[in-house]
Amino acid sequence: MSIGLSDILEFLDSEGIPYQYEGEKHLKIKGFCEVEHLEQHCVTWAANPELIHYDEAKRIKELLVVVSKEGFMGNEKINRIVCEDPRRVFFKILSHFFYKEPERKICQDSIVLTKNIGKNVSIGHQCFLNEEVEIGDHVSIGNHVSIECPAQIGNNTIIHSGTVIGTDGFGYFQENGKYQKIPHFGGVFIGKEVEIGANVCIDRGTLRDTYIGDRVKIDNLCHIAHNVKIMEDSMVVAMSLLCGSSLLKRETYVAPGAVIRNQVVVGEESLIGMGAVVTKDVEANSVMAGVPAKKLRKNIGKKE
């Protein structure tokens, strides 16, 4: 596979991405590489100018670097695309020219009881889908995924392998000195353009649905308990735990290993730090850290 520089620049133009190109006019790009391990005929990116080995870069044949204006040292012999957000531009180039969409199909060794399946849906090997599951268009479900309750899954959502959606939450009451299980009647609602990582567990609601809003991103190995609500454009990162009936308002970021106590409300555009244990409601636009979590400051860069 060989991609001309002109093809890359035409793509950036079509996406309306502002940039400036400096260097040779007739490059041929055949792959991509890390900036720490430069290779011939490859495209790479660098946010930090100190990561670029300039002497080595000048020796590499037909190398293309995507770099910010602030991050560039001004060496005229390095071919570069200068832009505001090199990380975003680099991965848009890779997605367009090098990423191959996996074949979409419903594997025959999966048990799919629902008939409510949209267009262009992919379901991997050895999955189980309840008859009350509704799947929108262009949804991708990995291998060994189990959806065991009434559930709605919005268009363009991705669910990675090993995830379990719809098991009962952890709820009991005592009667005659014994724990009695609370039955769960709710389901799970998952919005549009959501991505759920591998080996995530999302419990069904007790009486109402557990809710995952549009464009929410959940990393691998997270637990979302019963009745949790995660509002639009929030992110929950690896090993985090959202206890029952907690609420993340829109554009909240939960860093790895954080715990949100049951029934706690986290205000919109807040950031919960790594390993934080949030035991009380959080004001909007807050940065929280520690055990128990305390407010460090306002979330800089977020509007009031």
Protein backbone atom coordinates (compact mmCIF):
# COMPACT_ATOMS: atom_id res chain seq x y z
CA MET A 1 0.00 0.00 0.00
CA SER A 2 1.43 3.36 -1.04
CA ILE A 3 -0.22 6.71 -0.30
CA GLY A 4 0.88 9.93 -1.96
CA LEU A 5 1.36 13.11 0.03
CA SER A 6 -1.22 14.77 -2.22
CA ASP A 7 -3.81 12.18 -1.13
CA ILE A 8 -3.18 12.98 2.54
CA LEU A 9 -3.39 16.72 2.01
CA GLU A 10 -6.55 16.40 -0.08
CA PHE A 11 -8.11 14.38 2.76
CA LEU A 12 -7.24 17.08 5.32
CA ASP A 13 -8.72 19.70 3.01
CA SER A 14 -11.93 17.68 2.65
CA GLU A 15 -12.20 17.46 6.45
CA GLY A 16 -11.75 21.21 6.80
CA ILE A 17 -8.65 20.78 8.98
CA PRO A 18 -6.35 23.85 9.02
CA TYR A 19 -2.71 22.92 8.45
CA GLN A 20 0.50 24.00 6.79
CA TYR A 21 2.75 21.58 4.92
CA GLU A 22 6.49 22.09 4.76
CA GLY A 23 8.90 19.73 2.99
CA GLU A 24 9.23 17.59 -0.12
CA LYS A 25 6.27 17.55 -2.50
CA HIS A 26 6.32 13.95 -3.70
CA LEU A 27 6.36 11.67 -0.64
CA LYS A 28 5.11 8.09 -0.73
CA ILE A 29 3.79 6.84 2.62
CA LYS A 30 3.45 3.08 3.14
CA GLY A 31 2.80 2.86 6.88
CA PHE A 32 3.00 4.54 10.27
CA CYS A 33 5.38 4.45 13.22
CA GLU A 34 6.03 5.81 16.70
CA VAL A 35 8.16 8.93 16.94
CA GLU A 36 10.58 7.03 19.20
CA HIS A 37 11.10 4.38 16.48
CA LEU A 38 11.20 6.12 13.11
CA GLU A 39 10.85 4.10 9.89
CA GLN A 40 11.14 4.85 6.20
CA HIS A 41 8.04 5.82 4.20
CA CYS A 42 6.02 6.28 7.41
CA VAL A 43 3.91 8.97 9.01
CA THR A 44 4.22 9.75 12.72
CA TRP A 45 3.26 12.51 15.17
CA ALA A 46 4.83 14.38 18.04
CA ALA A 47 3.36 16.70 20.62
CA ASN A 48 6.65 17.16 22.43
CA PRO A 49 9.57 18.39 20.25
CA GLU A 50 12.05 16.68 22.56
CA LEU A 51 10.77 13.30 21.34
CA ILE A 52 11.95 13.96 17.78
CA HIS A 53 15.47 12.71 17.09
CA TYR A 54 16.26 15.26 14.39
CA ASP A 55 19.53 13.76 13.18
CA GLU A 56 17.86 10.38 12.75
CA ALA A 57 14.76 11.91 11.17
CA LYS A 58 16.87 13.58 8.47
CA ARG A 59 18.37 10.21 7.52
CA ILE A 60 15.01 8.45 7.23
CA LYS A 61 13.76 8.29 3.67
CA GLU A 62 10.38 9.92 3.04
CA LEU A 63 9.33 10.42 6.65
CA LEU A 64 6.28 12.58 7.42
CA VAL A 65 5.76 14.12 10.89
CA VAL A 66 2.50 15.65 12.11
CA VAL A 67 3.43 18.29 14.67
CA SER A 68 2.09 21.41 16.35
CA LYS A 69 3.50 24.84 15.58
CA GLU A 70 4.58 25.20 19.21
CA GLY A 71 6.18 21.76 19.18
CA PHE A 72 8.31 22.22 16.08
CA MET A 73 11.96 23.18 16.32
CA GLY A 74 12.20 24.59 12.80
CA ASN A 75 14.40 21.99 11.06
CA GLU A 76 13.76 22.54 7.35
CA LYS A 77 14.83 19.04 6.29
CA ILE A 78 11.97 17.26 8.06
CA ASN A 79 8.72 16.85 6.12
CA ARG A 80 5.92 17.99 8.37
CA ILE A 81 2.26 18.79 8.61
CA VAL A 82 1.95 21.66 11.08
CA CYS A 83 -1.44 21.89 12.81
CA GLU A 84 -3.10 22.79 16.10
CA ASP A 85 -3.87 19.24 17.28
CA PRO A 86 -1.32 16.77 15.85
CA ARG A 87 -2.68 13.79 17.79
CA ARG A 88 -6.18 14.22 16.36
CA VAL A 89 -4.92 14.88 12.83
CA PHE A 90 -2.52 11.90 12.90
CA PHE A 91 -5.18 9.43 13.97
CA LYS A 92 -7.69 10.82 11.48
CA ILE A 93 -5.11 10.11 8.77
CA LEU A 94 -4.61 6.57 10.08
CA SER A 95 -8.35 5.93 10.38
CA HIS A 96 -8.97 7.08 6.82
CA PHE A 97 -6.07 5.40 5.03
CA PHE A 98 -5.06 2.40 7.15
CA TYR A 99 -8.05 1.23 9.23
CA LYS A 100 -10.11 -1.56 7.73
CA GLU A 101 -13.65 -1.90 9.06
CA PRO A 102 -14.21 -5.46 10.34
CA GLU A 103 -16.71 -7.57 8.46
CA ARG A 104 -20.18 -7.12 9.91
CA LYS A 105 -22.12 -10.33 10.50
CA ILE A 106 -24.12 -12.16 13.13
CA CYS A 107 -22.15 -15.26 14.08
CA GLN A 108 -24.14 -18.49 13.98
CA ASP A 109 -22.79 -19.78 17.30
CA SER A 110 -24.45 -16.90 19.19
CA ILE A 111 -27.92 -17.19 20.74
CA VAL A 112 -29.88 -14.18 19.53
CA LEU A 113 -33.50 -14.33 20.70
CA THR A 114 -34.48 -10.79 19.71
CA LYS A 115 -35.94 -9.90 16.34
CA ASN A 116 -35.46 -6.16 16.89
CA ILE A 117 -32.14 -5.72 15.11
CA GLY A 118 -31.30 -2.70 12.99
CA LYS A 119 -29.27 -2.42 9.80
CA ASN A 120 -25.62 -3.35 9.46
CA VAL A 121 -25.28 -4.92 12.91
CA SER A 122 -22.35 -7.14 13.93
CA ILE A 123 -22.60 -9.76 16.71
CA GLY A 124 -19.53 -11.84 17.54
CA HIS A 125 -19.06 -15.43 18.62
CA GLN A 126 -20.88 -17.08 21.54
CA CYS A 127 -23.01 -14.13 22.59
CA PHE A 128 -26.42 -14.26 24.28
CA LEU A 129 -29.10 -11.63 23.62
CA ASN A 130 -32.43 -11.62 25.44
CA GLU A 131 -35.63 -11.50 23.39
CA GLU A 132 -36.38 -8.02 24.81
CA VAL A 133 -33.21 -6.43 23.45
CA GLU A 134 -33.61 -3.69 20.83
CA ILE A 135 -30.54 -2.95 18.71
CA GLY A 136 -30.19 0.14 16.54
CA ASP A 137 -28.35 0.53 13.25
CA HIS A 138 -24.58 0.04 12.80
CA VAL A 139 -24.08 -1.50 16.24
CA SER A 140 -21.02 -3.68 16.85
CA ILE A 141 -21.06 -6.34 19.59
CA GLY A 142 -17.89 -8.32 20.30
CA ASN A 143 -17.43 -11.95 21.34
CA HIS A 144 -18.86 -13.54 24.51
CA VAL A 145 -21.17 -10.59 25.24
CA SER A 146 -24.26 -11.33 27.33
CA ILE A 147 -27.34 -9.05 27.41
CA GLU A 148 -29.75 -10.68 29.84
CA CYS A 149 -32.52 -8.11 30.39
CA PRO A 150 -34.73 -5.72 28.45
CA ALA A 151 -32.27 -3.34 26.83
CA GLN A 152 -32.14 -0.62 24.19
CA ILE A 153 -28.92 -0.02 22.30
CA GLY A 154 -28.66 3.11 20.17
CA ASN A 155 -27.19 3.55 16.70
CA ASN A 156 -23.42 3.33 16.14
CA THR A 157 -22.70 1.89 19.59
CA ILE A 158 -19.77 -0.48 20.19
CA ILE A 159 -19.75 -3.15 22.91
CA HIS A 160 -16.45 -4.98 23.30
CA SER A 161 -15.89 -8.64 24.13
CA GLY A 162 -16.69 -10.20 27.47
CA THR A 163 -19.12 -7.53 28.63
CA VAL A 164 -22.20 -8.52 30.65
CA ILE A 165 -25.26 -6.28 30.55
CA GLY A 166 -28.41 -6.81 32.56
CA THR A 167 -27.57 -9.04 35.51
CA ASP A 168 -29.33 -8.20 38.80
CA GLY A 169 -27.81 -5.57 41.02
CA PHE A 170 -26.67 -6.30 44.56
CA GLY A 171 -29.83 -5.79 46.61
CA TYR A 172 -31.07 -7.69 49.69
CA PHE A 173 -33.26 -7.21 52.76
CA GLN A 174 -33.30 -9.23 55.96
CA GLU A 175 -36.23 -11.38 56.98
CA ASN A 176 -36.10 -13.72 59.97
CA GLY A 177 -32.37 -13.26 60.16
CA LYS A 178 -31.77 -14.27 56.54
CA TYR A 179 -30.92 -12.21 53.49
CA GLN A 180 -33.68 -12.14 50.92
CA LYS A 181 -32.90 -11.10 47.36
CA ILE A 182 -34.62 -8.03 45.92
CA PRO A 183 -35.98 -8.84 42.45
CA HIS A 184 -34.98 -6.52 39.62
CA PHE A 185 -37.56 -5.46 37.04
CA GLY A 186 -35.77 -2.66 35.18
CA GLY A 187 -33.58 -2.87 32.13
CA VAL A 188 -30.63 -1.02 30.62
CA PHE A 189 -30.81 1.92 28.22
CA ILE A 190 -27.72 2.61 26.11
CA GLY A 191 -27.74 5.66 23.85
CA LYS A 192 -26.17 6.47 20.49
CA GLU A 193 -22.43 6.40 19.74
CA VAL A 194 -21.62 4.80 23.09
CA GLU A 195 -18.49 2.66 23.46
CA ILE A 196 -18.30 0.04 26.21
CA GLY A 197 -14.96 -1.68 26.79
CA ALA A 198 -14.10 -5.31 27.41
CA ASN A 199 -15.26 -7.15 30.53
CA VAL A 200 -17.54 -4.38 31.75
CA CYS A 201 -20.53 -5.25 33.95
CA ILE A 202 -23.66 -3.09 33.73
CA ASP A 203 -26.46 -4.11 36.12
CA ARG A 204 -30.12 -3.78 35.22
CA GLY A 205 -32.24 -1.32 37.19
CA THR A 206 -34.39 -2.35 40.12
CA LEU A 207 -37.62 -0.66 38.99
CA ARG A 208 -36.34 1.74 36.29
CA ASP A 209 -33.61 1.35 33.70
CA THR A 210 -29.92 1.86 34.30
CA TYR A 211 -29.11 4.68 31.87
CA ILE A 212 -26.06 5.26 29.65
CA GLY A 213 -26.43 8.48 27.65
CA ASP A 214 -25.36 9.33 24.12
CA ARG A 215 -21.62 9.35 23.34
CA VAL A 216 -20.61 7.99 26.76
CA LYS A 217 -17.30 6.07 26.75
CA ILE A 218 -16.71 3.31 29.33
CA ASP A 219 -13.26 1.71 29.53
CA ASN A 220 -12.41 -1.95 30.21
CA LEU A 221 -13.14 -3.63 33.55
CA CYS A 222 -15.61 -1.10 34.95
CA HIS A 223 -18.69 -1.88 37.05
CA ILE A 224 -21.87 0.14 36.55
CA ALA A 225 -24.35 -0.82 39.28
CA HIS A 226 -28.18 -0.86 39.21
CA ASN A 227 -30.06 2.40 38.58
CA VAL A 228 -26.89 4.33 37.73
CA LYS A 229 -27.32 7.22 35.30
CA ILE A 230 -24.37 8.38 33.18
CA MET A 231 -25.34 11.42 31.22
CA GLU A 232 -24.19 12.46 27.76
CA ASP A 233 -20.51 12.79 26.76
CA SER A 234 -19.11 11.41 30.03
CA MET A 235 -16.11 9.08 30.31
CA VAL A 236 -15.53 6.32 32.87
CA VAL A 237 -12.00 4.88 32.77
CA ALA A 238 -10.60 1.44 33.68
CA MET A 239 -11.38 -0.27 36.99
CA SER A 240 -13.81 2.41 38.11
CA LEU A 241 -16.91 1.55 40.15
CA LEU A 242 -20.21 3.43 40.06
CA CYS A 243 -22.39 2.23 42.95
CA GLY A 244 -26.16 1.90 42.82
CA SER A 245 -28.28 4.95 41.91
CA SER A 246 -25.28 7.24 41.50
CA LEU A 247 -25.55 9.94 38.86
CA LEU A 248 -22.86 11.36 36.62
CA LYS A 249 -24.10 14.51 34.94
CA ARG A 250 -22.97 15.37 31.43
CA GLU A 251 -19.30 15.62 30.42
CA THR A 252 -18.01 14.09 33.66
CA TYR A 253 -14.62 12.33 33.57
CA VAL A 254 -13.93 9.50 36.03
CA ALA A 255 -10.24 8.52 36.10
CA PRO A 256 -8.94 4.94 36.60
CA GLY A 257 -9.82 3.15 39.82
CA ALA A 258 -12.27 5.73 41.19
CA VAL A 259 -15.30 4.77 43.28
CA ILE A 260 -18.56 6.74 43.34
CA ARG A 261 -20.72 5.92 46.38
CA ASN A 262 -24.35 4.91 45.95
CA GLN A 263 -26.84 7.76 45.40
CA VAL A 264 -24.07 10.36 45.00
CA VAL A 265 -24.57 13.02 42.32
CA VAL A 266 -21.50 14.25 40.42
CA GLY A 267 -22.10 17.64 38.83
CA GLU A 268 -21.60 18.27 35.14
CA GLU A 269 -18.13 18.81 33.65
CA SER A 270 -16.40 17.48 36.77
CA LEU A 271 -13.19 15.43 36.94
CA ILE A 272 -12.80 12.62 39.46
CA GLY A 273 -9.11 11.77 40.00
CA MET A 274 -7.38 8.40 39.97
CA GLY A 275 -8.33 6.17 42.89
CA ALA A 276 -10.64 8.79 44.41
CA VAL A 277 -13.48 7.65 46.65
CA VAL A 278 -16.42 10.03 46.26
CA THR A 279 -18.75 9.84 49.27
CA LYS A 280 -20.68 13.12 48.91
CA ASP A 281 -22.34 15.05 46.11
CA VAL A 282 -19.96 16.97 43.86
CA GLU A 283 -20.58 20.50 42.61
CA ALA A 284 -20.51 21.11 38.88
CA ASN A 285 -17.15 21.87 37.29
CA SER A 286 -15.06 20.41 40.14
CA VAL A 287 -11.79 18.49 40.31
CA MET A 288 -11.94 15.85 43.07
CA ALA A 289 -9.15 13.68 44.48
CA GLY A 290 -8.27 11.62 47.53
CA VAL A 291 -9.89 9.20 49.99
CA PRO A 292 -12.40 10.45 50.81
CA ALA A 293 -12.42 12.74 47.79
CA LYS A 294 -12.07 16.47 48.34
CA LYS A 295 -12.39 19.33 45.92
CA LEU A 296 -9.00 20.59 44.71
CA ARG A 297 -10.15 23.35 42.41
CA LYS A 298 -12.54 24.21 39.62
CA ASN A 299 -12.14 22.23 36.43
CA ILE A 300 -9.94 24.61 34.46
CA GLY A 301 -11.00 25.04 30.86
CA LYS A 302 -14.63 24.22 31.55
CA LYS A 303 -17.25 26.92 31.43
CA GLU A 304 -18.89 28.15 34.63
